[in-house]
Protein backbone atom coordinates (compact mmCIF):
# COMPACT_ATOMS: atom_id res chain seq x y z
CA UNK A 1 8.13 -12.40 9.81
CA UNK A 2 9.38 -10.93 6.14
CA UNK A 3 12.75 -12.31 4.30
CA UNK A 4 14.81 -10.28 1.77
CA UNK A 5 18.89 -11.63 0.22
CA UNK A 6 21.12 -9.23 -0.62
CA UNK A 7 23.32 -9.26 -3.56
CA UNK A 8 25.78 -11.34 -1.33
CA UNK A 9 23.82 -13.76 -0.40
CA UNK A 10 23.11 -12.98 3.01
CA UNK A 11 19.41 -13.44 4.42
CA UNK A 12 17.56 -11.27 6.44
CA UNK A 13 14.48 -11.65 8.51
CA UNK A 14 12.49 -8.79 9.78
CA UNK A 15 9.86 -9.40 12.34
CA UNK A 16 8.46 -8.17 15.62
CA UNK A 17 9.04 -9.74 19.36
CA UNK A 18 6.54 -7.96 21.89
CA UNK A 19 7.62 -4.00 21.72
CA UNK A 20 10.37 -4.27 19.78
CA UNK A 21 11.12 -4.62 15.59
CA UNK A 22 13.72 -7.10 15.26
CA UNK A 23 16.24 -8.12 12.71
CA UNK A 24 17.94 -11.98 12.05
CA UNK A 25 20.61 -11.89 9.44
CA UNK A 26 22.15 -15.04 8.44
CA UNK A 27 25.20 -15.85 5.93
CA UNK A 28 24.70 -16.70 2.54
CA UNK A 29 23.75 -20.24 1.41
CA UNK A 30 27.13 -20.93 0.49
CA UNK A 31 28.42 -20.21 3.97
CA UNK A 32 26.38 -22.62 5.89
CA UNK A 33 23.10 -20.02 6.27
CA UNK A 34 24.82 -19.07 9.95
CA UNK A 35 22.80 -17.29 11.96
CA UNK A 36 24.02 -14.06 13.32
CA UNK A 37 23.03 -12.04 16.62
CA UNK A 38 19.77 -10.52 16.71
CA UNK A 39 19.38 -7.30 16.70
CA UNK A 40 17.02 -4.64 17.44
CA UNK A 41 16.04 -1.87 14.86
CA UNK A 42 13.68 0.23 16.71
CA UNK A 43 10.61 0.18 19.29
CA UNK A 44 6.88 -1.09 17.61
CA UNK A 45 3.68 0.98 18.57
CA UNK A 46 1.37 -1.01 16.18
CA UNK A 47 -1.28 -0.16 13.92
CA UNK A 48 -4.49 -0.49 15.93
CA UNK A 49 -6.77 -3.28 14.60
CA UNK A 50 -9.56 -4.15 14.11
CA UNK A 51 -11.02 -1.15 11.79
CA UNK A 52 -13.39 -0.66 8.87
CA UNK A 53 -13.22 -3.63 6.18
CA UNK A 54 -10.35 -5.15 8.00
CA UNK A 55 -10.82 -7.72 10.43
CA UNK A 56 -7.76 -9.88 9.79
CA UNK A 57 -5.36 -8.75 12.57
CA UNK A 58 -3.90 -11.60 12.71
CA UNK A 59 -2.08 -10.57 9.36
CA UNK A 60 0.02 -8.00 11.24
CA UNK A 61 -1.27 -4.46 9.24
CA UNK A 62 1.86 -2.62 10.93
CA UNK A 63 3.45 -5.30 8.29
CA UNK A 64 7.31 -4.72 8.91
CA UNK A 65 9.87 -5.02 5.75
CA UNK A 66 13.50 -5.70 5.33
CA UNK A 67 15.02 -4.91 1.69
CA UNK A 68 18.51 -4.61 0.97
CA UNK A 69 20.01 -2.02 -1.58
CA UNK A 70 20.15 -3.60 -4.89
CA UNK A 71 23.77 -1.31 -5.70
CA UNK A 72 25.39 -1.76 -2.04
CA UNK A 73 24.82 -4.96 0.25
CA UNK A 74 25.71 -3.27 3.31
CA UNK A 75 22.98 -0.98 3.00
CA UNK A 76 19.66 -2.15 4.24
CA UNK A 77 16.43 -0.77 4.69
CA UNK A 78 13.68 -1.97 7.15
CA UNK A 79 10.07 -0.27 7.01
CA UNK A 80 7.27 -0.47 9.16
CA UNK A 81 3.71 0.99 10.00
CA UNK A 82 3.77 2.75 13.38
CA UNK A 83 0.57 4.18 15.43
CA UNK A 84 0.86 7.82 15.99
CA UNK A 85 -2.50 8.41 18.17
CA UNK A 86 -5.77 7.93 17.58
CA UNK A 87 -6.76 7.04 13.51
CA UNK A 88 -3.39 8.24 12.61
CA UNK A 89 -0.33 6.34 11.85
CA UNK A 90 2.84 6.54 10.17
CA UNK A 91 5.06 4.68 7.61
CA UNK A 92 8.38 4.69 8.71
CA UNK A 93 11.74 4.01 7.30
CA UNK A 94 14.97 3.29 9.27
CA UNK A 95 18.23 2.26 7.58
CA UNK A 96 21.95 0.31 8.33
CA UNK A 97 24.91 0.90 6.57
CA UNK A 98 26.73 -1.80 7.69
CA UNK A 99 24.84 -4.62 6.59
CA UNK A 100 22.05 -4.58 9.39
CA UNK A 101 24.31 -4.48 12.47
CA UNK A 102 23.62 -1.19 13.88
CA UNK A 103 20.39 1.16 13.49
CA UNK A 104 21.34 4.89 14.54
CA UNK A 105 18.45 6.51 16.05
CA UNK A 106 19.14 9.68 13.66
CA UNK A 107 18.62 7.08 10.10
CA UNK A 108 14.97 7.33 10.27
CA UNK A 109 12.55 9.18 8.08
CA UNK A 110 8.37 9.08 7.69
CA UNK A 111 7.73 8.60 4.20
CA UNK A 112 3.99 9.87 4.37
CA UNK A 113 3.21 13.41 4.65
CA UNK A 114 2.08 14.86 8.03
CA UNK A 115 -1.50 14.45 7.57
CA UNK A 116 -3.47 12.37 9.76
CA UNK A 117 -5.06 9.18 8.64
CA UNK A 118 -5.16 5.52 8.71
CA UNK A 119 -2.39 3.93 6.97
CA UNK A 120 -1.97 0.15 7.03
CA UNK A 121 -0.18 -2.89 5.22
CA UNK A 122 2.91 -0.90 4.06
CA UNK A 123 5.54 -2.80 1.28
CA UNK A 124 8.70 -2.15 0.05
CA UNK A 125 11.37 -3.12 -2.62
CA UNK A 126 14.44 -1.78 -3.85
CA UNK A 127 15.96 -0.58 -7.29
CA UNK A 128 18.98 1.79 -8.22
CA UNK A 129 19.80 2.10 -4.57
CA UNK A 130 16.41 3.43 -3.58
CA UNK A 131 13.85 2.05 -1.76
CA UNK A 132 9.99 2.32 -2.88
CA UNK A 133 7.15 2.06 -0.41
CA UNK A 134 3.45 1.26 -0.87
CA UNK A 135 0.63 1.78 1.47
CA UNK A 136 -2.88 1.76 1.76
CA UNK A 137 -4.20 5.15 3.17
CA UNK A 138 -7.19 6.57 4.34
CA UNK A 139 -6.41 10.13 4.80
CA UNK A 140 -9.14 11.46 2.62
CA UNK A 141 -11.94 9.22 4.38
CA UNK A 142 -14.96 11.21 5.76
CA UNK A 143 -16.12 9.70 9.04
CA UNK A 144 -19.46 8.41 7.05
CA UNK A 145 -17.46 6.70 5.28
CA UNK A 146 -14.39 5.52 6.95
CA UNK A 147 -13.53 2.35 4.75
CA UNK A 148 -12.64 4.52 1.50
CA UNK A 149 -9.38 3.83 0.80
CA UNK A 150 -6.41 5.24 -1.53
CA UNK A 151 -3.12 3.43 -2.22
CA UNK A 152 0.10 5.96 -1.70
CA UNK A 153 3.73 5.51 -2.71
CA UNK A 154 7.08 7.08 -1.50
CA UNK A 155 10.69 6.92 -1.91
CA UNK A 156 13.51 6.74 0.07
CA UNK A 157 17.40 6.69 -0.32
CA UNK A 158 20.78 8.27 0.09
CA UNK A 159 21.59 12.10 -0.60
CA UNK A 160 25.23 13.13 -1.94
CA UNK A 161 26.43 13.42 1.58
CA UNK A 162 24.92 9.59 2.68
CA UNK A 163 22.10 11.04 4.52
CA UNK A 164 18.50 9.46 4.77
CA UNK A 165 16.58 11.48 2.77
CA UNK A 166 12.79 10.67 1.70
CA UNK A 167 11.17 11.95 -1.50
CA UNK A 168 7.54 13.59 -1.89
CA UNK A 169 4.89 10.70 -1.56
CA UNK A 170 2.27 10.32 -4.43
CA UNK A 171 -1.20 9.01 -4.54
CA UNK A 172 -1.22 6.03 -6.86
CA UNK A 173 -5.06 4.89 -6.93
CA UNK A 174 -7.25 7.25 -9.08
CA UNK A 175 -10.51 6.53 -7.50
CA UNK A 176 -10.62 5.61 -3.67
CA UNK A 177 -11.82 1.99 -2.83
CA UNK A 178 -14.61 1.52 -0.08
CA UNK A 179 -13.73 -1.63 1.94
CA UNK A 180 -16.81 -2.40 3.38
CA UNK A 181 -18.75 -2.34 -0.10
CA UNK A 182 -19.91 -5.66 -1.78
CA UNK A 183 -18.73 -6.80 -4.76
């Protein structure tokens, strides 16, 4: 599970249970950390594991994360990796405008470009109302060196009409890292 705290003190726990991504919200510490009903955020199709250079499948390479908008405690982001076919994963962000009570099907974006590739271990935080997402990406790894890994990022937020939008992704690493290399 991953934990986040909103500016109003509400505590959020992102986790998966079988085939679903779940969210558990608690009231603030001041209000006794009272558990709210568990909410299903979406269905889970886990990233395939193991893969070259990563043998810790028990560490959840799907890596679901919850983050609360730092400018609005009712706006909650939920991000995860999702298998999209053999050797292809997508980084997905959903959002809730009612403090995590509902996760409408139309409020979901794919952060990565539509280029096939292995994508793992995404992470997310918020700043100035935007969700910043990073992940490891193997889209450029040739078959004979399938462990070459780049680090990518993307940004998600709300447009002027309140719709969930995604900015163009960007490559952070300057040189791909061969995960199976020694040293």
